[in-house]
PDB file of N, CA and C in Angstrom:
ATOM      1  N   MET A   1     118.440 163.826  57.707  1.00  0.00           N
ATOM      2  CA  MET A   1     119.323 163.589  57.777  1.00  0.00           C
ATOM      3  C   MET A   1     118.324 163.242  59.679  1.00  0.00           C
ATOM      4  N   LYS A   2     117.840 164.152  60.129  1.00  0.00           N
ATOM      5  CA  LYS A   2     117.468 164.105  61.289  1.00  0.00           C
ATOM      6  C   LYS A   2     115.744 163.211  61.425  1.00  0.00           C
ATOM      7  N   LYS A   3     115.213 163.065  60.339  1.00  0.00           N
ATOM      8  CA  LYS A   3     114.543 161.986  60.575  1.00  0.00           C
ATOM      9  C   LYS A   3     114.827 160.113  60.079  1.00  0.00           C
ATOM     10  N   LEU A   4     116.320 160.253  59.609  1.00  0.00           N
ATOM     11  CA  LEU A   4     116.927 159.254  59.550  1.00  0.00           C
ATOM     12  C   LEU A   4     117.384 158.346  61.216  1.00  0.00           C
ATOM     13  N   PHE A   5     117.598 159.660  61.811  1.00  0.00           N
ATOM     14  CA  PHE A   5     118.236 159.316  62.742  1.00  0.00           C
ATOM     15  C   PHE A   5     116.727 158.834  64.202  1.00  0.00           C
ATOM     16  N   VAL A   6     115.851 159.526  63.738  1.00  0.00           N
ATOM     17  CA  VAL A   6     114.397 159.494  64.859  1.00  0.00           C
ATOM     18  C   VAL A   6     113.777 157.671  64.645  1.00  0.00           C
ATOM     19  N   LEU A   7     114.430 157.281  62.841  1.00  0.00           N
ATOM     20  CA  LEU A   7     113.738 156.273  62.458  1.00  0.00           C
ATOM     21  C   LEU A   7     114.219 155.212  62.921  1.00  0.00           C
ATOM     22  N   GLY A   8     115.682 155.257  62.584  1.00  0.00           N
ATOM     23  CA  GLY A   8     116.726 154.455  63.157  1.00  0.00           C
ATOM     24  C   GLY A   8     116.553 153.994  64.487  1.00  0.00           C
ATOM     25  N   PHE A   9     116.490 154.863  65.717  1.00  0.00           N
ATOM     26  CA  PHE A   9     115.910 155.113  66.853  1.00  0.00           C
ATOM     27  C   PHE A   9     114.907 154.231  66.978  1.00  0.00           C
ATOM     28  N   LEU A  10     113.408 154.281  66.887  1.00  0.00           N
ATOM     29  CA  LEU A  10     112.639 153.669  66.818  1.00  0.00           C
ATOM     30  C   LEU A  10     112.951 151.844  66.812  1.00  0.00           C
ATOM     31  N   PHE A  11     113.467 151.543  65.226  1.00  0.00           N
ATOM     32  CA  PHE A  11     113.892 150.118  65.024  1.00  0.00           C
ATOM     33  C   PHE A  11     114.556 149.734  66.292  1.00  0.00           C
ATOM     34  N   SER A  12     115.522 150.278  66.302  1.00  0.00           N
ATOM     35  CA  SER A  12     116.107 149.732  67.484  1.00  0.00           C
ATOM     36  C   SER A  12     115.997 149.315  69.052  1.00  0.00           C
ATOM     37  N   SER A  13     114.791 150.780  69.395  1.00  0.00           N
ATOM     38  CA  SER A  13     114.102 150.394  70.547  1.00  0.00           C
ATOM     39  C   SER A  13     113.627 149.528  70.325  1.00  0.00           C
ATOM     40  N   ALA A  14     112.148 149.532  69.219  1.00  0.00           N
ATOM     41  CA  ALA A  14     111.266 148.142  68.571  1.00  0.00           C
ATOM     42  C   ALA A  14     112.331 146.994  68.962  1.00  0.00           C
ATOM     43  N   SER A  15     113.252 146.797  68.637  1.00  0.00           N
ATOM     44  CA  SER A  15     113.851 145.619  68.791  1.00  0.00           C
ATOM     45  C   SER A  15     114.077 145.051  69.523  1.00  0.00           C
ATOM     46  N   ALA A  16     114.664 145.848  70.372  1.00  0.00           N
ATOM     47  CA  ALA A  16     114.466 145.340  72.169  1.00  0.00           C
ATOM     48  C   ALA A  16     113.434 145.473  72.916  1.00  0.00           C
ATOM     49  N   PHE A  17     112.436 145.602  72.877  1.00  0.00           N
ATOM     50  CA  PHE A  17     110.934 145.370  73.570  1.00  0.00           C
ATOM     51  C   PHE A  17     111.224 143.831  72.821  1.00  0.00           C
ATOM     52  N   ALA A  18     110.849 143.220  71.986  1.00  0.00           N
ATOM     53  CA  ALA A  18     110.535 142.617  70.970  1.00  0.00           C
ATOM     54  C   ALA A  18     111.635 141.127  71.534  1.00  0.00           C
ATOM     55  N   ARG A  19     112.231 141.483  71.702  1.00  0.00           N
ATOM     56  CA  ARG A  19     112.603 139.991  72.247  1.00  0.00           C
ATOM     57  C   ARG A  19     112.533 139.447  74.066  1.00  0.00           C
ATOM     58  N   PRO A  20     112.094 138.269  73.698  1.00  0.00           N
ATOM     59  CA  PRO A  20     111.498 137.618  74.973  1.00  0.00           C
ATOM     60  C   PRO A  20     112.729 137.643  76.045  1.00  0.00           C
ATOM     61  N   PRO A  21     111.752 138.059  76.997  1.00  0.00           N
ATOM     62  CA  PRO A  21     112.575 138.129  78.355  1.00  0.00           C
ATOM     63  C   PRO A  21     113.659 136.597  78.959  1.00  0.00           C
ATOM     64  N   GLU A  22     114.781 137.123  79.153  1.00  0.00           N
ATOM     65  CA  GLU A  22     115.821 136.129  79.663  1.00  0.00           C
ATOM     66  C   GLU A  22     114.943 135.140  80.955  1.00  0.00           C
ATOM     67  N   PRO A  23     114.873 133.624  80.770  1.00  0.00           N
ATOM     68  CA  PRO A  23     114.232 132.565  81.855  1.00  0.00           C
ATOM     69  C   PRO A  23     114.952 132.761  82.468  1.00  0.00           C
ATOM     70  N   ILE A  24     114.561 132.922  84.198  1.00  0.00           N
ATOM     71  CA  ILE A  24     114.633 132.520  85.658  1.00  0.00           C
ATOM     72  C   ILE A  24     114.735 131.271  86.209  1.00  0.00           C
ATOM     73  N   ASP A  25     115.855 131.036  86.482  1.00  0.00           N
ATOM     74  CA  ASP A  25     116.285 129.261  86.928  1.00  0.00           C
ATOM     75  C   ASP A  25     115.426 129.582  88.500  1.00  0.00           C
ATOM     76  N   PRO A  26     114.183 128.208  88.686  1.00  0.00           N
ATOM     77  CA  PRO A  26     113.727 127.849  90.084  1.00  0.00           C
ATOM     78  C   PRO A  26     115.266 128.224  90.300  1.00  0.00           C
ATOM     79  N   PRO A  27     115.040 128.120  91.464  1.00  0.00           N
ATOM     80  CA  PRO A  27     115.763 127.473  92.524  1.00  0.00           C
ATOM     81  C   PRO A  27     115.491 126.360  93.107  1.00  0.00           C
ATOM     82  N   PRO A  28     116.496 125.769  93.396  1.00  0.00           N
ATOM     83  CA  PRO A  28     116.797 123.834  93.596  1.00  0.00           C
ATOM     84  C   PRO A  28     115.586 123.508  94.456  1.00  0.00           C
ATOM     85  N   ARG A  29     114.675 122.953  94.608  1.00  0.00           N
ATOM     86  CA  ARG A  29     113.097 122.370  95.059  1.00  0.00           C
ATOM     87  C   ARG A  29     114.083 120.829  96.730  1.00  0.00           C
ATOM     88  N   PHE A  30     115.190 120.676  95.570  1.00  0.00           N
ATOM     89  CA  PHE A  30     115.930 119.210  96.632  1.00  0.00           C
ATOM     90  C   PHE A  30     117.610 119.786  97.173  1.00  0.00           C
ATOM     91  N   ILE A  31     117.961 118.513  98.246  1.00  0.00           N
ATOM     92  CA  ILE A  31     119.383 119.143  98.407  1.00  0.00           C
ATOM     93  C   ILE A  31     119.353 117.642  98.572  1.00  0.00           C
ATOM     94  N   LYS A  32     120.556 117.571  97.764  1.00  0.00           N
ATOM     95  CA  LYS A  32     121.617 115.943  98.077  1.00  0.00           C
ATOM     96  C   LYS A  32     122.516 115.751  98.147  1.00  0.00           C
ATOM     97  N   LYS A  33     123.112 114.868  98.289  1.00  0.00           N
ATOM     98  CA  LYS A  33     124.539 114.240  99.561  1.00  0.00           C
ATOM     99  C   LYS A  33     124.798 113.720  98.910  1.00  0.00           C
ATOM    100  N   THR A  34     126.053 112.872  98.806  1.00  0.00           N
ATOM    101  CA  THR A  34     126.180 111.725  98.332  1.00  0.00           C
ATOM    102  C   THR A  34     126.885 111.282  99.628  1.00  0.00           C
ATOM    103  N   PHE A  35     126.913 110.024 100.569  1.00  0.00           N
ATOM    104  CA  PHE A  35     127.931 109.802 101.413  1.00  0.00           C
ATOM    105  C   PHE A  35     128.324 107.888 100.540  1.00  0.00           C
ATOM    106  N   VAL A  36     129.325 108.077 100.591  1.00  0.00           N
ATOM    107  CA  VAL A  36     130.357 107.177 100.049  1.00  0.00           C
ATOM    108  C   VAL A  36     131.301 106.716 101.434  1.00  0.00           C
ATOM    109  N   ASN A  37     131.379 105.312 101.378  1.00  0.00           N
ATOM    110  CA  ASN A  37     130.950 104.247 102.036  1.00  0.00           C
ATOM    111  C   ASN A  37     130.858 104.756 103.669  1.00  0.00           C
ATOM    112  N   PRO A  38     129.496 105.202 104.212  1.00  0.00           N
ATOM    113  CA  PRO A  38     128.697 105.382 105.303  1.00  0.00           C
ATOM    114  C   PRO A  38     129.891 104.908 106.481  1.00  0.00           C
ATOM    115  N   LYS A  39     129.366 105.589 107.449  1.00  0.00           N
ATOM    116  CA  LYS A  39     130.080 104.445 108.450  1.00  0.00           C
ATOM    117  C   LYS A  39     129.353 105.354 109.824  1.00  0.00           C
ATOM    118  N   LEU A  40     128.418 104.702 110.595  1.00  0.00           N
ATOM    119  CA  LEU A  40     127.978 104.625 112.200  1.00  0.00           C
ATOM    120  C   LEU A  40     129.040 104.402 113.125  1.00  0.00           C
ATOM    121  N   ASP A  41     129.542 105.750 113.734  1.00  0.00           N
ATOM    122  CA  ASP A  41     130.430 105.385 114.704  1.00  0.00           C
ATOM    123  C   ASP A  41     132.007 104.709 114.955  1.00  0.00           C
ATOM    124  N   GLY A  42     132.209 105.317 113.011  1.00  0.00           N
ATOM    125  CA  GLY A  42     133.309 105.414 113.010  1.00  0.00           C
ATOM    126  C   GLY A  42     133.122 103.843 112.290  1.00  0.00           C
ATOM    127  N   ILE A  43     131.993 102.901 112.975  1.00  0.00           N
ATOM    128  CA  ILE A  43     132.325 101.814 111.701  1.00  0.00           C
ATOM    129  C   ILE A  43     131.171 101.286 110.628  1.00  0.00           C
ATOM    130  N   ALA A  44     131.766 100.760 109.694  1.00  0.00           N
ATOM    131  CA  ALA A  44     130.811 100.793 108.445  1.00  0.00           C
ATOM    132  C   ALA A  44     129.212 100.403 108.660  1.00  0.00           C
ATOM    133  N   LEU A  45     128.349 101.488 107.664  1.00  0.00           N
ATOM    134  CA  LEU A  45     127.956 101.157 107.770  1.00  0.00           C
ATOM    135  C   LEU A  45     126.386  99.753 107.571  1.00  0.00           C
ATOM    136  N   ASP A  46     126.237  98.837 108.052  1.00  0.00           N
ATOM    137  CA  ASP A  46     125.834  97.441 108.045  1.00  0.00           C
ATOM    138  C   ASP A  46     124.273  97.569 106.537  1.00  0.00           C
ATOM    139  N   TRP A  47     124.910  96.588 105.550  1.00  0.00           N
ATOM    140  CA  TRP A  47     123.203  96.986 105.275  1.00  0.00           C
ATOM    141  C   TRP A  47     121.720  96.876 105.324  1.00  0.00           C
ATOM    142  N   CYS A  48     121.842  96.000 106.307  1.00  0.00           N
ATOM    143  CA  CYS A  48     120.667  95.462 106.723  1.00  0.00           C
ATOM    144  C   CYS A  48     120.177  96.202 107.916  1.00  0.00           C
ATOM    145  N   GLN A  49     118.818  97.097 108.484  1.00  0.00           N
ATOM    146  CA  GLN A  49     119.145  97.788 109.402  1.00  0.00           C
ATOM    147  C   GLN A  49     118.412  96.786 110.456  1.00  0.00           C
ATOM    148  N   GLN A  50     117.855  96.183 110.385  1.00  0.00           N
ATOM    149  CA  GLN A  50     118.055  94.861 111.743  1.00  0.00           C
ATOM    150  C   GLN A  50     118.770  93.812 111.143  1.00  0.00           C
ATOM    151  N   TRP A  51     119.079  92.684 112.308  1.00  0.00           N
ATOM    152  CA  TRP A  51     119.722  91.557 112.071  1.00  0.00           C
ATOM    153  C   TRP A  51     119.193  90.610 110.808  1.00  0.00           C
ATOM    154  N   ALA A  52     119.856  91.047 109.907  1.00  0.00           N
ATOM    155  CA  ALA A  52     119.057  89.951 108.427  1.00  0.00           C
ATOM    156  C   ALA A  52     118.072  90.229 107.745  1.00  0.00           C
ATOM    157  N   ALA A  53     117.139  91.625 108.130  1.00  0.00           N
ATOM    158  CA  ALA A  53     115.987  92.290 108.244  1.00  0.00           C
ATOM    159  C   ALA A  53     116.205  93.704 107.548  1.00  0.00           C
ATOM    160  N   ASN A  54     115.122  94.490 107.071  1.00  0.00           N
ATOM    161  CA  ASN A  54     115.377  95.506 106.500  1.00  0.00           C
ATOM    162  C   ASN A  54     116.504  96.049 105.570  1.00  0.00           C
ATOM    163  N   CYS A  55     116.857  94.580 104.891  1.00  0.00           N
ATOM    164  CA  CYS A  55     118.509  95.684 104.556  1.00  0.00           C
ATOM    165  C   CYS A  55     118.581  96.036 103.226  1.00  0.00           C
ATOM    166  N   GLY A  56     118.941  97.150 102.895  1.00  0.00           N
ATOM    167  CA  GLY A  56     119.094  97.776 101.029  1.00  0.00           C
ATOM    168  C   GLY A  56     117.948  99.245 101.666  1.00  0.00           C
ATOM    169  N   LYS A  57     117.202  99.387 101.210  1.00  0.00           N
ATOM    170  CA  LYS A  57     116.669 101.115 101.297  1.00  0.00           C
ATOM    171  C   LYS A  57     117.004 101.412 102.689  1.00  0.00           C
ATOM    172  N   PRO A  58     115.611 100.042 103.121  1.00  0.00           N
ATOM    173  CA  PRO A  58     115.056 100.552 104.606  1.00  0.00           C
ATOM    174  C   PRO A  58     116.569 101.593 105.383  1.00  0.00           C
ATOM    175  N   ALA A  59     117.334  99.932 105.076  1.00  0.00           N
ATOM    176  CA  ALA A  59     118.661 100.588 106.716  1.00  0.00           C
ATOM    177  C   ALA A  59     118.973 102.610 105.391  1.00  0.00           C
ATOM    178  N   ALA A  60     119.051 102.419 104.065  1.00  0.00           N
ATOM    179  CA  ALA A  60     119.646 103.663 103.728  1.00  0.00           C
ATOM    180  C   ALA A  60     118.642 104.608 104.216  1.00  0.00           C
ATOM    181  N   ASP A  61     117.696 104.509 104.411  1.00  0.00           N
ATOM    182  CA  ASP A  61     116.806 105.484 104.623  1.00  0.00           C
ATOM    183  C   ASP A  61     116.754 105.941 105.628  1.00  0.00           C
ATOM    184  N   GLU A  62     116.769 105.179 107.247  1.00  0.00           N
ATOM    185  CA  GLU A  62     117.115 105.227 107.976  1.00  0.00           C
ATOM    186  C   GLU A  62     118.235 105.946 108.323  1.00  0.00           C
ATOM    187  N   PHE A  63     119.580 105.851 107.961  1.00  0.00           N
ATOM    188  CA  PHE A  63     120.915 106.312 107.702  1.00  0.00           C
ATOM    189  C   PHE A  63     120.361 108.101 107.108  1.00  0.00           C
ATOM    190  N   CYS A  64     120.051 108.269 106.334  1.00  0.00           N
ATOM    191  CA  CYS A  64     119.310 109.584 105.410  1.00  0.00           C
ATOM    192  C   CYS A  64     119.075 110.071 106.746  1.00  0.00           C
ATOM    193  N   THR A  65     117.934 109.503 107.102  1.00  0.00           N
ATOM    194  CA  THR A  65     117.535 110.105 108.335  1.00  0.00           C
ATOM    195  C   THR A  65     117.935 111.165 109.137  1.00  0.00           C
ATOM    196  N   LEU A  66     119.043 110.085 109.805  1.00  0.00           N
ATOM    197  CA  LEU A  66     120.086 110.355 110.976  1.00  0.00           C
ATOM    198  C   LEU A  66     120.351 111.752 110.354  1.00  0.00           C
ATOM    199  N   GLN A  67     121.103 111.574 109.183  1.00  0.00           N
ATOM    200  CA  GLN A  67     122.006 112.681 108.534  1.00  0.00           C
ATOM    201  C   GLN A  67     121.489 113.996 108.071  1.00  0.00           C
ATOM    202  N   GLY A  68     120.470 114.124 108.289  1.00  0.00           N
ATOM    203  CA  GLY A  68     119.183 115.125 108.457  1.00  0.00           C
ATOM    204  C   GLY A  68     118.036 115.197 107.429  1.00  0.00           C
ATOM    205  N   TYR A  69     118.157 114.448 106.430  1.00  0.00           N
ATOM    206  CA  TYR A  69     118.146 113.951 105.055  1.00  0.00           C
ATOM    207  C   TYR A  69     116.639 113.657 104.865  1.00  0.00           C
ATOM    208  N   ASP A  70     115.483 113.020 103.972  1.00  0.00           N
ATOM    209  CA  ASP A  70     114.092 113.195 104.342  1.00  0.00           C
ATOM    210  C   ASP A  70     114.026 111.211 103.902  1.00  0.00           C
ATOM    211  N   SER A  71     114.915 111.205 103.207  1.00  0.00           N
ATOM    212  CA  SER A  71     115.025 109.956 102.126  1.00  0.00           C
ATOM    213  C   SER A  71     116.200 108.956 101.802  1.00  0.00           C
ATOM    214  N   SER A  72     116.981 108.042 100.856  1.00  0.00           N
ATOM    215  CA  SER A  72     118.090 107.800 100.490  1.00  0.00           C
ATOM    216  C   SER A  72     117.170 107.858  98.678  1.00  0.00           C
ATOM    217  N   TYR A  73     118.124 107.875  97.741  1.00  0.00           N
ATOM    218  CA  TYR A  73     117.257 107.831  96.231  1.00  0.00           C
ATOM    219  C   TYR A  73     118.101 107.062  95.581  1.00  0.00           C
ATOM    220  N   SER A  74     119.658 106.893  95.980  1.00  0.00           N
ATOM    221  CA  SER A  74     120.202 105.713  95.686  1.00  0.00           C
ATOM    222  C   SER A  74     120.843 104.986  96.455  1.00  0.00           C
ATOM    223  N   SER A  75     121.539 103.792  96.610  1.00  0.00           N
ATOM    224  CA  SER A  75     123.110 103.398  96.900  1.00  0.00           C
ATOM    225  C   SER A  75     123.269 102.196  96.698  1.00  0.00           C
ATOM    226  N   ALA A  76     124.681 101.828  97.563  1.00  0.00           N
ATOM    227  CA  ALA A  76     124.760  99.918  96.434  1.00  0.00           C
ATOM    228  C   ALA A  76     125.606  99.570  97.068  1.00  0.00           C
ATOM    229  N   MET A  77     125.904  98.287  96.988  1.00  0.00           N
ATOM    230  CA  MET A  77     126.062  96.957  98.259  1.00  0.00           C
ATOM    231  C   MET A  77     127.718  96.929  98.121  1.00  0.00           C
ATOM    232  N   ALA A  78     128.355  97.018  99.412  1.00  0.00           N
ATOM    233  CA  ALA A  78     129.383  97.050  99.435  1.00  0.00           C
ATOM    234  C   ALA A  78     129.471  95.566  99.888  1.00  0.00           C
ATOM    235  N   VAL A  79     130.066  94.621  98.846  1.00  0.00           N
ATOM    236  CA  VAL A  79     130.270  93.274  99.572  1.00  0.00           C
ATOM    237  C   VAL A  79     131.008  92.306 100.627  1.00  0.00           C
ATOM    238  N   ASP A  80     131.017  91.628 101.554  1.00  0.00           N
ATOM    239  CA  ASP A  80     131.842  91.012 102.018  1.00  0.00           C
ATOM    240  C   ASP A  80     132.946  91.433 102.652  1.00  0.00           C
ATOM    241  N   VAL A  81     132.328  93.154 103.543  1.00  0.00           N
ATOM    242  CA  VAL A  81     132.973  94.154 104.227  1.00  0.00           C
ATOM    243  C   VAL A  81     133.510  93.308 105.639  1.00  0.00           C
ATOM    244  N   GLY A  82     133.299  92.630 106.150  1.00  0.00           N
ATOM    245  CA  GLY A  82     133.677  91.905 106.758  1.00  0.00           C
ATOM    246  C   GLY A  82     133.110  92.150 108.506  1.00  0.00           C
ATOM    247  N   TYR A  83     133.254  93.705 108.932  1.00  0.00           N
ATOM    248  CA  TYR A  83     133.066  94.422 110.043  1.00  0.00           C
ATOM    249  C   TYR A  83     132.111  95.461 109.719  1.00  0.00           C
ATOM    250  N   THR A  84     130.497  95.287 110.319  1.00  0.00           N
ATOM    251  CA  THR A  84     129.599  96.701 110.212  1.00  0.00           C
ATOM    252  C   THR A  84     129.440  96.645 111.463  1.00  0.00           C
ATOM    253  N   LYS A  85     128.647  97.933 111.910  1.00  0.00           N
ATOM    254  CA  LYS A  85     127.119  98.269 112.454  1.00  0.00           C
ATOM    255  C   LYS A  85     126.588  98.498 112.169  1.00  0.00           C
ATOM    256  N   LEU A  86     124.530  97.804 112.568  1.00  0.00           N
ATOM    257  CA  LEU A  86     124.038  97.148 112.457  1.00  0.00           C
ATOM    258  C   LEU A  86     123.230  98.782 112.847  1.00  0.00           C
ATOM    259  N   LEU A  87     122.278  99.207 112.761  1.00  0.00           N
ATOM    260  CA  LEU A  87     121.449 101.219 112.889  1.00  0.00           C
ATOM    261  C   LEU A  87     120.909 100.844 114.434  1.00  0.00           C
ATOM    262  N   THR A  88     120.920  99.549 114.631  1.00  0.00           N
ATOM    263  CA  THR A  88     120.318  99.219 116.073  1.00  0.00           C
ATOM    264  C   THR A  88     121.667  99.037 116.912  1.00  0.00           C
ATOM    265  N   GLY A  89     122.734  98.820 116.896  1.00  0.00           N
ATOM    266  CA  GLY A  89     123.849  99.157 117.694  1.00  0.00           C
ATOM    267  C   GLY A  89     125.290  97.935 117.625  1.00  0.00           C
ATOM    268  N   GLU A  90     124.036  96.999 116.760  1.00  0.00           N
ATOM    269  CA  GLU A  90     124.436  95.593 116.776  1.00  0.00           C
ATOM    270  C   GLU A  90     126.036  95.797 115.928  1.00  0.00           C
ATOM    271  N   ILE A  91     127.410  94.397 116.469  1.00  0.00           N
ATOM    272  CA  ILE A  91     128.384  94.774 115.007  1.00  0.00           C
ATOM    273  C   ILE A  91     127.816  93.587 114.610  1.00  0.00           C
ATOM    274  N   CYS A  92     128.220  93.376 112.905  1.00  0.00           N
ATOM    275  CA  CYS A  92     128.270  92.348 112.368  1.00  0.00           C
ATOM    276  C   CYS A  92     129.769  92.011 112.077  1.00  0.00           C
ATOM    277  N   ASN A  93     130.913  90.746 113.095  1.00  0.00           N
ATOM    278  CA  ASN A  93     132.014  90.480 112.156  1.00  0.00           C
ATOM    279  C   ASN A  93     131.911  88.988 111.739  1.00  0.00           C
ATOM    280  N   GLY A  94     131.744  89.314 110.724  1.00  0.00           N
ATOM    281  CA  GLY A  94     132.434  87.967 109.916  1.00  0.00           C
ATOM    282  C   GLY A  94     132.418  88.210 108.545  1.00  0.00           C
ATOM    283  N   ALA A  95     132.971  86.952 107.199  1.00  0.00           N
ATOM    284  CA  ALA A  95     133.353  87.594 106.114  1.00  0.00           C
ATOM    285  C   ALA A  95     132.027  87.541 106.005  1.00  0.00           C
ATOM    286  N   PHE A  96     130.688  87.544 105.718  1.00  0.00           N
ATOM    287  CA  PHE A  96     129.220  87.620 105.229  1.00  0.00           C
ATOM    288  C   PHE A  96     129.423  89.108 105.411  1.00  0.00           C
ATOM    289  N   CYS A  97     129.388  89.737 106.008  1.00  0.00           N
ATOM    290  CA  CYS A  97     129.135  90.959 106.396  1.00  0.00           C
ATOM    291  C   CYS A  97     128.974  92.676 105.046  1.00  0.00           C
ATOM    292  N   ASP A  98     127.465  92.574 104.535  1.00  0.00           N
ATOM    293  CA  ASP A  98     127.588  93.663 103.782  1.00  0.00           C
ATOM    294  C   ASP A  98     127.638  94.731 104.761  1.00  0.00           C
ATOM    295  N   SER A  99     128.120  95.867 103.546  1.00  0.00           N
ATOM    296  CA  SER A  99     127.525  97.112 103.572  1.00  0.00           C
ATOM    297  C   SER A  99     127.045  98.142 102.569  1.00  0.00           C
ATOM    298  N   PHE A 100     127.354  99.577 102.199  1.00  0.00           N
ATOM    299  CA  PHE A 100     127.091  99.991 101.781  1.00  0.00           C
ATOM    300  C   PHE A 100     128.240 100.905 100.541  1.00  0.00           C
ATOM    301  N   GLU A 101     128.544 100.572  99.943  1.00  0.00           N
ATOM    302  CA  GLU A 101     129.789 101.688  98.644  1.00  0.00           C
ATOM    303  C   GLU A 101     129.589 103.373  99.083  1.00  0.00           C
ATOM    304  N   PHE A 102     128.588 103.776  98.867  1.00  0.00           N
ATOM    305  CA  PHE A 102     127.464 104.750  98.905  1.00  0.00           C
ATOM    306  C   PHE A 102     126.441 105.548  99.515  1.00  0.00           C
ATOM    307  N   ILE A 103     125.393 105.939 100.029  1.00  0.00           N
ATOM    308  CA  ILE A 103     124.061 105.811 100.150  1.00  0.00           C
ATOM    309  C   ILE A 103     124.069 107.865  99.637  1.00  0.00           C
ATOM    310  N   GLY A 104     122.916 107.765  98.817  1.00  0.00           N
ATOM    311  CA  GLY A 104     122.676 109.226  97.992  1.00  0.00           C
ATOM    312  C   GLY A 104     121.352 109.359  99.201  1.00  0.00           C
ATOM    313  N   CYS A 105     121.517 110.816  99.599  1.00  0.00           N
ATOM    314  CA  CYS A 105     120.671 111.319 100.339  1.00  0.00           C
ATOM    315  C   CYS A 105     119.677 112.478  99.720  1.00  0.00           C
ATOM    316  N   VAL A 106     118.673 112.594 100.482  1.00  0.00           N
ATOM    317  CA  VAL A 106     118.165 113.617  99.744  1.00  0.00           C
ATOM    318  C   VAL A 106     116.842 114.568 100.125  1.00  0.00           C
ATOM    319  N   ALA A 107     116.944 115.959 100.115  1.00  0.00           N
ATOM    320  CA  ALA A 107     115.709 116.178 101.323  1.00  0.00           C
ATOM    321  C   ALA A 107     115.309 117.389 100.535  1.00  0.00           C
ATOM    322  N   GLU A 108     113.453 117.885 100.735  1.00  0.00           N
ATOM    323  CA  GLU A 108     112.768 119.144 100.025  1.00  0.00           C
ATOM    324  C   GLU A 108     113.131 120.073 100.659  1.00  0.00           C
ATOM    325  N   ILE A 109     113.238 121.239 100.327  1.00  0.00           N
ATOM    326  CA  ILE A 109     113.905 122.518 100.601  1.00  0.00           C
ATOM    327  C   ILE A 109     112.528 123.305 100.118  1.00  0.00           C
TER     328      ILE A 109
END
């Protein structure tokens, strides 16, 4: 009986050591945040960085930088918002003024 117990212990111990170690998830390397209907001083952020220039990604990148992130990774246009503020501080006040539905910002940690 003693021999069976020892053999059983050896087999159960050996199988415990034969299992691969549990994978450890690496820490995240990036922090992401999505800004829905982003605003500048409480006014919808204009689609363009300067008046009718550097629209879309350049404006989103600068907005993200102002928020403490490295850059933007996604965005979508909100068409004909009507009243927006450019990053230069200028106001666009016309039916043709576009903004962002959202801007996704990212920073490496």
